[in-house]
Amino acid sequence: MQVAAFSTPASPDWRWRIVNYAGEVVEESHETFPTIVTAVADGTKRLVQMNVVDNSVIARVPRSTSHLRRR
């Protein structure tokens, strides 16, 4: 699992998000942080507390490359 930090123009403070390897959000902070460093640190602390194993399966979506051959 990975910890990511994000902010939005509407809410410029940082929040963390725990995401599994399939890209699904596992948990997200309600608390905001002034810097990306503090957000990731708190999210990492939460991930360690959760003590979970990521058994997710990455979704394999076939993607066309026809747009690359039109050059």
PDB file of N, CA and C in Angstrom:
ATOM      1  N   MET A   1       0.839  -1.168   0.000  1.00  0.00           N
ATOM      2  CA  MET A   1       0.000   0.000   0.000  1.00  0.00           C
ATOM      3  C   MET A   1       0.888   1.236   0.000  1.00  0.00           C
ATOM      4  N   GLN A   2       0.337   2.319  -0.466  1.00  0.00           N
ATOM      5  CA  GLN A   2       1.070   3.569  -0.577  1.00  0.00           C
ATOM      6  C   GLN A   2       0.327   4.683   0.160  1.00  0.00           C
ATOM      7  N   VAL A   3       1.075   5.628   0.673  1.00  0.00           N
ATOM      8  CA  VAL A   3       0.499   6.828   1.275  1.00  0.00           C
ATOM      9  C   VAL A   3       0.754   7.971   0.299  1.00  0.00           C
ATOM     10  N   ALA A   4      -0.293   8.664  -0.053  1.00  0.00           N
ATOM     11  CA  ALA A   4      -0.179   9.821  -0.944  1.00  0.00           C
ATOM     12  C   ALA A   4      -0.756  11.032  -0.223  1.00  0.00           C
ATOM     13  N   ALA A   5      -0.274  12.189  -0.576  1.00  0.00           N
ATOM     14  CA  ALA A   5      -0.811  13.427  -0.022  1.00  0.00           C
ATOM     15  C   ALA A   5      -1.385  14.243  -1.161  1.00  0.00           C
ATOM     16  N   PHE A   6      -2.464  14.958  -0.876  1.00  0.00           N
ATOM     17  CA  PHE A   6      -3.099  15.762  -1.905  1.00  0.00           C
ATOM     18  C   PHE A   6      -3.698  17.015  -1.296  1.00  0.00           C
ATOM     19  N   SER A   7      -3.886  17.994  -2.150  1.00  0.00           N
ATOM     20  CA  SER A   7      -4.600  19.212  -1.787  1.00  0.00           C
ATOM     21  C   SER A   7      -5.385  19.638  -3.011  1.00  0.00           C
ATOM     22  N   THR A   8      -6.342  20.495  -2.797  1.00  0.00           N
ATOM     23  CA  THR A   8      -7.158  20.984  -3.911  1.00  0.00           C
ATOM     24  C   THR A   8      -7.178  22.508  -3.870  1.00  0.00           C
ATOM     25  N   PRO A   9      -7.489  23.141  -4.985  1.00  0.00           N
ATOM     26  CA  PRO A   9      -7.574  24.607  -4.976  1.00  0.00           C
ATOM     27  C   PRO A   9      -8.604  25.124  -3.962  1.00  0.00           C
ATOM     28  N   ALA A  10      -9.677  24.380  -3.776  1.00  0.00           N
ATOM     29  CA  ALA A  10     -10.705  24.804  -2.829  1.00  0.00           C
ATOM     30  C   ALA A  10     -10.253  24.626  -1.381  1.00  0.00           C
ATOM     31  N   SER A  11      -9.350  23.669  -1.154  1.00  0.00           N
ATOM     32  CA  SER A  11      -8.836  23.403   0.181  1.00  0.00           C
ATOM     33  C   SER A  11      -7.324  23.195   0.084  1.00  0.00           C
ATOM     34  N   PRO A  12      -6.540  24.273   0.170  1.00  0.00           N
ATOM     35  CA  PRO A  12      -5.102  24.175  -0.101  1.00  0.00           C
ATOM     36  C   PRO A  12      -4.281  23.420   0.947  1.00  0.00           C
ATOM     37  N   ASP A  13      -4.846  23.115   2.117  1.00  0.00           N
ATOM     38  CA  ASP A  13      -4.107  22.317   3.093  1.00  0.00           C
ATOM     39  C   ASP A  13      -3.993  20.883   2.592  1.00  0.00           C
ATOM     40  N   TRP A  14      -3.017  20.150   3.098  1.00  0.00           N
ATOM     41  CA  TRP A  14      -2.742  18.788   2.652  1.00  0.00           C
ATOM     42  C   TRP A  14      -3.507  17.770   3.477  1.00  0.00           C
ATOM     43  N   ARG A  15      -3.900  16.674   2.821  1.00  0.00           N
ATOM     44  CA  ARG A  15      -4.506  15.519   3.486  1.00  0.00           C
ATOM     45  C   ARG A  15      -3.819  14.276   2.942  1.00  0.00           C
ATOM     46  N   TRP A  16      -3.850  13.196   3.709  1.00  0.00           N
ATOM     47  CA  TRP A  16      -3.249  11.960   3.223  1.00  0.00           C
ATOM     48  C   TRP A  16      -4.327  10.974   2.774  1.00  0.00           C
ATOM     49  N   ARG A  17      -3.897  10.059   1.946  1.00  0.00           N
ATOM     50  CA  ARG A  17      -4.789   9.019   1.423  1.00  0.00           C
ATOM     51  C   ARG A  17      -3.972   7.730   1.321  1.00  0.00           C
ATOM     52  N   ILE A  18      -4.507   6.642   1.863  1.00  0.00           N
ATOM     53  CA  ILE A  18      -3.861   5.331   1.752  1.00  0.00           C
ATOM     54  C   ILE A  18      -4.529   4.608   0.594  1.00  0.00           C
ATOM     55  N   VAL A  19      -3.708   4.166  -0.353  1.00  0.00           N
ATOM     56  CA  VAL A  19      -4.204   3.556  -1.591  1.00  0.00           C
ATOM     57  C   VAL A  19      -3.549   2.192  -1.748  1.00  0.00           C
ATOM     58  N   ASN A  20      -4.358   1.178  -2.128  1.00  0.00           N
ATOM     59  CA  ASN A  20      -3.765  -0.139  -2.361  1.00  0.00           C
ATOM     60  C   ASN A  20      -3.200  -0.202  -3.772  1.00  0.00           C
ATOM     61  N   TYR A  21      -2.562  -1.324  -4.101  1.00  0.00           N
ATOM     62  CA  TYR A  21      -1.883  -1.427  -5.388  1.00  0.00           C
ATOM     63  C   TYR A  21      -2.843  -1.584  -6.566  1.00  0.00           C
ATOM     64  N   ALA A  22      -4.130  -1.747  -6.292  1.00  0.00           N
ATOM     65  CA  ALA A  22      -5.127  -1.756  -7.359  1.00  0.00           C
ATOM     66  C   ALA A  22      -5.651  -0.348  -7.617  1.00  0.00           C
ATOM     67  N   GLY A  23      -5.170   0.627  -6.834  1.00  0.00           N
ATOM     68  CA  GLY A  23      -5.592   2.011  -7.019  1.00  0.00           C
ATOM     69  C   GLY A  23      -6.823   2.395  -6.232  1.00  0.00           C
ATOM     70  N   GLU A  24      -7.274   1.519  -5.340  1.00  0.00           N
ATOM     71  CA  GLU A  24      -8.468   1.802  -4.546  1.00  0.00           C
ATOM     72  C   GLU A  24      -8.091   2.539  -3.266  1.00  0.00           C
ATOM     73  N   VAL A  25      -8.897   3.525  -2.902  1.00  0.00           N
ATOM     74  CA  VAL A  25      -8.660   4.273  -1.669  1.00  0.00           C
ATOM     75  C   VAL A  25      -9.085   3.397  -0.500  1.00  0.00           C
ATOM     76  N   VAL A  26      -8.166   3.174   0.434  1.00  0.00           N
ATOM     77  CA  VAL A  26      -8.432   2.364   1.610  1.00  0.00           C
ATOM     78  C   VAL A  26      -8.893   3.255   2.759  1.00  0.00           C
ATOM     79  N   GLU A  27      -8.211   4.375   2.933  1.00  0.00           N
ATOM     80  CA  GLU A  27      -8.571   5.310   3.995  1.00  0.00           C
ATOM     81  C   GLU A  27      -8.059   6.700   3.624  1.00  0.00           C
ATOM     82  N   GLU A  28      -8.739   7.710   4.132  1.00  0.00           N
ATOM     83  CA  GLU A  28      -8.375   9.096   3.841  1.00  0.00           C
ATOM     84  C   GLU A  28      -8.506   9.908   5.117  1.00  0.00           C
ATOM     85  N   SER A  29      -7.604  10.867   5.306  1.00  0.00           N
ATOM     86  CA  SER A  29      -7.647  11.684   6.520  1.00  0.00           C
ATOM     87  C   SER A  29      -8.767  12.709   6.449  1.00  0.00           C
ATOM     88  N   HIS A  30      -9.323  12.976   7.606  1.00  0.00           N
ATOM     89  CA  HIS A  30     -10.290  14.072   7.717  1.00  0.00           C
ATOM     90  C   HIS A  30      -9.557  15.334   8.178  1.00  0.00           C
ATOM     91  N   GLU A  31      -8.451  15.114   8.860  1.00  0.00           N
ATOM     92  CA  GLU A  31      -7.625  16.208   9.356  1.00  0.00           C
ATOM     93  C   GLU A  31      -6.788  16.785   8.215  1.00  0.00           C
ATOM     94  N   THR A  32      -6.507  18.077   8.268  1.00  0.00           N
ATOM     95  CA  THR A  32      -5.647  18.714   7.269  1.00  0.00           C
ATOM     96  C   THR A  32      -4.309  19.064   7.902  1.00  0.00           C
ATOM     97  N   PHE A  33      -3.295  19.217   7.044  1.00  0.00           N
ATOM     98  CA  PHE A  33      -1.930  19.466   7.493  1.00  0.00           C
ATOM     99  C   PHE A  33      -1.352  20.634   6.707  1.00  0.00           C
ATOM    100  N   PRO A  34      -0.480  21.427   7.326  1.00  0.00           N
ATOM    101  CA  PRO A  34       0.062  22.603   6.638  1.00  0.00           C
ATOM    102  C   PRO A  34       1.070  22.269   5.540  1.00  0.00           C
ATOM    103  N   THR A  35       1.731  21.098   5.635  1.00  0.00           N
ATOM    104  CA  THR A  35       2.735  20.736   4.633  1.00  0.00           C
ATOM    105  C   THR A  35       2.527  19.304   4.163  1.00  0.00           C
ATOM    106  N   ILE A  36       3.058  19.005   2.983  1.00  0.00           N
ATOM    107  CA  ILE A  36       2.977  17.655   2.439  1.00  0.00           C
ATOM    108  C   ILE A  36       3.756  16.674   3.322  1.00  0.00           C
ATOM    109  N   VAL A  37       4.847  17.131   3.908  1.00  0.00           N
ATOM    110  CA  VAL A  37       5.672  16.267   4.760  1.00  0.00           C
ATOM    111  C   VAL A  37       4.895  15.792   5.982  1.00  0.00           C
ATOM    112  N   THR A  38       4.183  16.704   6.628  1.00  0.00           N
ATOM    113  CA  THR A  38       3.426  16.316   7.821  1.00  0.00           C
ATOM    114  C   THR A  38       2.250  15.416   7.460  1.00  0.00           C
ATOM    115  N   ALA A  39       1.643  15.640   6.311  1.00  0.00           N
ATOM    116  CA  ALA A  39       0.528  14.797   5.870  1.00  0.00           C
ATOM    117  C   ALA A  39       0.998  13.372   5.601  1.00  0.00           C
ATOM    118  N   VAL A  40       2.097  13.224   4.860  1.00  0.00           N
ATOM    119  CA  VAL A  40       2.613  11.886   4.544  1.00  0.00           C
ATOM    120  C   VAL A  40       3.094  11.183   5.817  1.00  0.00           C
ATOM    121  N   ALA A  41       3.726  11.908   6.713  1.00  0.00           N
ATOM    122  CA  ALA A  41       4.201  11.315   7.963  1.00  0.00           C
ATOM    123  C   ALA A  41       3.040  10.774   8.784  1.00  0.00           C
ATOM    124  N   ASP A  42       1.963  11.540   8.882  1.00  0.00           N
ATOM    125  CA  ASP A  42       0.799  11.089   9.641  1.00  0.00           C
ATOM    126  C   ASP A  42       0.118   9.910   8.943  1.00  0.00           C
ATOM    127  N   GLY A  43       0.035   9.947   7.620  1.00  0.00           N
ATOM    128  CA  GLY A  43      -0.560   8.834   6.877  1.00  0.00           C
ATOM    129  C   GLY A  43       0.259   7.568   7.009  1.00  0.00           C
ATOM    130  N   THR A  44       1.577   7.690   7.006  1.00  0.00           N
ATOM    131  CA  THR A  44       2.449   6.532   7.183  1.00  0.00           C
ATOM    132  C   THR A  44       2.281   5.942   8.576  1.00  0.00           C
ATOM    133  N   LYS A  45       2.152   6.807   9.555  1.00  0.00           N
ATOM    134  CA  LYS A  45       1.906   6.352  10.928  1.00  0.00           C
ATOM    135  C   LYS A  45       0.592   5.563  10.994  1.00  0.00           C
ATOM    136  N   ARG A  46      -0.436   6.050  10.327  1.00  0.00           N
ATOM    137  CA  ARG A  46      -1.729   5.358  10.314  1.00  0.00           C
ATOM    138  C   ARG A  46      -1.622   4.021   9.586  1.00  0.00           C
ATOM    139  N   LEU A  47      -0.890   3.966   8.490  1.00  0.00           N
ATOM    140  CA  LEU A  47      -0.714   2.723   7.732  1.00  0.00           C
ATOM    141  C   LEU A  47      -0.040   1.666   8.600  1.00  0.00           C
ATOM    142  N   VAL A  48       0.959   2.055   9.368  1.00  0.00           N
ATOM    143  CA  VAL A  48       1.635   1.121  10.275  1.00  0.00           C
ATOM    144  C   VAL A  48       0.666   0.637  11.347  1.00  0.00           C
ATOM    145  N   GLN A  49      -0.166   1.527  11.871  1.00  0.00           N
ATOM    146  CA  GLN A  49      -1.160   1.143  12.877  1.00  0.00           C
ATOM    147  C   GLN A  49      -2.170   0.146  12.320  1.00  0.00           C
ATOM    148  N   MET A  50      -2.538   0.313  11.063  1.00  0.00           N
ATOM    149  CA  MET A  50      -3.528  -0.567  10.440  1.00  0.00           C
ATOM    150  C   MET A  50      -3.007  -1.996  10.329  1.00  0.00           C
ATOM    151  N   ASN A  51      -1.697  -2.163  10.093  1.00  0.00           N
ATOM    152  CA  ASN A  51      -1.061  -3.471  10.023  1.00  0.00           C
ATOM    153  C   ASN A  51      -1.838  -4.429   9.113  1.00  0.00           C
ATOM    154  N   VAL A  52      -2.052  -4.017   7.869  1.00  0.00           N
ATOM    155  CA  VAL A  52      -2.796  -4.834   6.913  1.00  0.00           C
ATOM    156  C   VAL A  52      -1.898  -5.278   5.766  1.00  0.00           C
ATOM    157  N   VAL A  53      -2.315  -6.355   5.129  1.00  0.00           N
ATOM    158  CA  VAL A  53      -1.615  -6.873   3.962  1.00  0.00           C
ATOM    159  C   VAL A  53      -2.446  -6.535   2.737  1.00  0.00           C
ATOM    160  N   ASP A  54      -1.814  -6.033   1.708  1.00  0.00           N
ATOM    161  CA  ASP A  54      -2.516  -5.672   0.478  1.00  0.00           C
ATOM    162  C   ASP A  54      -2.649  -6.913  -0.406  1.00  0.00           C
ATOM    163  N   ASN A  55      -3.848  -7.474  -0.468  1.00  0.00           N
ATOM    164  CA  ASN A  55      -4.122  -8.631  -1.313  1.00  0.00           C
ATOM    165  C   ASN A  55      -4.908  -8.236  -2.554  1.00  0.00           C
ATOM    166  N   SER A  56      -4.921  -6.957  -2.865  1.00  0.00           N
ATOM    167  CA  SER A  56      -5.699  -6.487  -4.009  1.00  0.00           C
ATOM    168  C   SER A  56      -5.095  -7.002  -5.308  1.00  0.00           C
ATOM    169  N   VAL A  57      -5.925  -7.070  -6.313  1.00  0.00           N
ATOM    170  CA  VAL A  57      -5.505  -7.509  -7.634  1.00  0.00           C
ATOM    171  C   VAL A  57      -5.572  -6.315  -8.566  1.00  0.00           C
ATOM    172  N   ILE A  58      -4.482  -6.047  -9.236  1.00  0.00           N
ATOM    173  CA  ILE A  58      -4.448  -4.925 -10.165  1.00  0.00           C
ATOM    174  C   ILE A  58      -5.332  -5.237 -11.356  1.00  0.00           C
ATOM    175  N   ALA A  59      -6.238  -4.351 -11.639  1.00  0.00           N
ATOM    176  CA  ALA A  59      -7.143  -4.537 -12.777  1.00  0.00           C
ATOM    177  C   ALA A  59      -6.371  -4.323 -14.071  1.00  0.00           C
ATOM    178  N   ARG A  60      -6.400  -5.307 -14.926  1.00  0.00           N
ATOM    179  CA  ARG A  60      -5.725  -5.211 -16.225  1.00  0.00           C
ATOM    180  C   ARG A  60      -6.751  -4.799 -17.270  1.00  0.00           C
ATOM    181  N   VAL A  61      -6.670  -3.561 -17.673  1.00  0.00           N
ATOM    182  CA  VAL A  61      -7.602  -3.035 -18.664  1.00  0.00           C
ATOM    183  C   VAL A  61      -6.870  -2.966 -19.994  1.00  0.00           C
ATOM    184  N   PRO A  62      -7.353  -3.699 -20.996  1.00  0.00           N
ATOM    185  CA  PRO A  62      -6.682  -3.615 -22.292  1.00  0.00           C
ATOM    186  C   PRO A  62      -6.791  -2.203 -22.854  1.00  0.00           C
ATOM    187  N   ARG A  63      -5.693  -1.687 -23.296  1.00  0.00           N
ATOM    188  CA  ARG A  63      -5.685  -0.327 -23.832  1.00  0.00           C
ATOM    189  C   ARG A  63      -5.245  -0.354 -25.277  1.00  0.00           C
ATOM    190  N   SER A  64      -5.957   0.357 -26.061  1.00  0.00           N
ATOM    191  CA  SER A  64      -5.640   0.437 -27.478  1.00  0.00           C
ATOM    192  C   SER A  64      -4.466   1.386 -27.701  1.00  0.00           C
ATOM    193  N   THR A  65      -3.618   1.026 -28.638  1.00  0.00           N
ATOM    194  CA  THR A  65      -2.520   1.915 -29.017  1.00  0.00           C
ATOM    195  C   THR A  65      -2.712   2.433 -30.442  1.00  0.00           C
ATOM    196  N   SER A  66      -3.941   2.317 -30.943  1.00  0.00           N
ATOM    197  CA  SER A  66      -4.195   2.750 -32.317  1.00  0.00           C
ATOM    198  C   SER A  66      -3.903   4.232 -32.512  1.00  0.00           C
ATOM    199  N   HIS A  67      -4.093   5.035 -31.485  1.00  0.00           N
ATOM    200  CA  HIS A  67      -3.817   6.469 -31.608  1.00  0.00           C
ATOM    201  C   HIS A  67      -2.325   6.735 -31.837  1.00  0.00           C
ATOM    202  N   LEU A  68      -1.468   5.805 -31.433  1.00  0.00           N
ATOM    203  CA  LEU A  68      -0.034   5.981 -31.642  1.00  0.00           C
ATOM    204  C   LEU A  68       0.376   5.614 -33.064  1.00  0.00           C
ATOM    205  N   ARG A  69      -0.411   4.812 -33.734  1.00  0.00           N
ATOM    206  CA  ARG A  69      -0.062   4.361 -35.083  1.00  0.00           C
ATOM    207  C   ARG A  69      -0.522   5.339 -36.170  1.00  0.00           C
ATOM    208  N   ARG A  70      -1.228   6.351 -35.815  1.00  0.00           N
ATOM    209  CA  ARG A  70      -1.767   7.312 -36.807  1.00  0.00           C
ATOM    210  C   ARG A  70      -0.770   8.380 -37.182  1.00  0.00           C
ATOM    211  N   ARG A  71       0.401   8.328 -36.716  1.00  0.00           N
ATOM    212  CA  ARG A  71       1.382   9.396 -36.954  1.00  0.00           C
ATOM    213  C   ARG A  71       1.966   9.307 -38.317  1.00  0.00           C
TER     214      ARG A  71
END
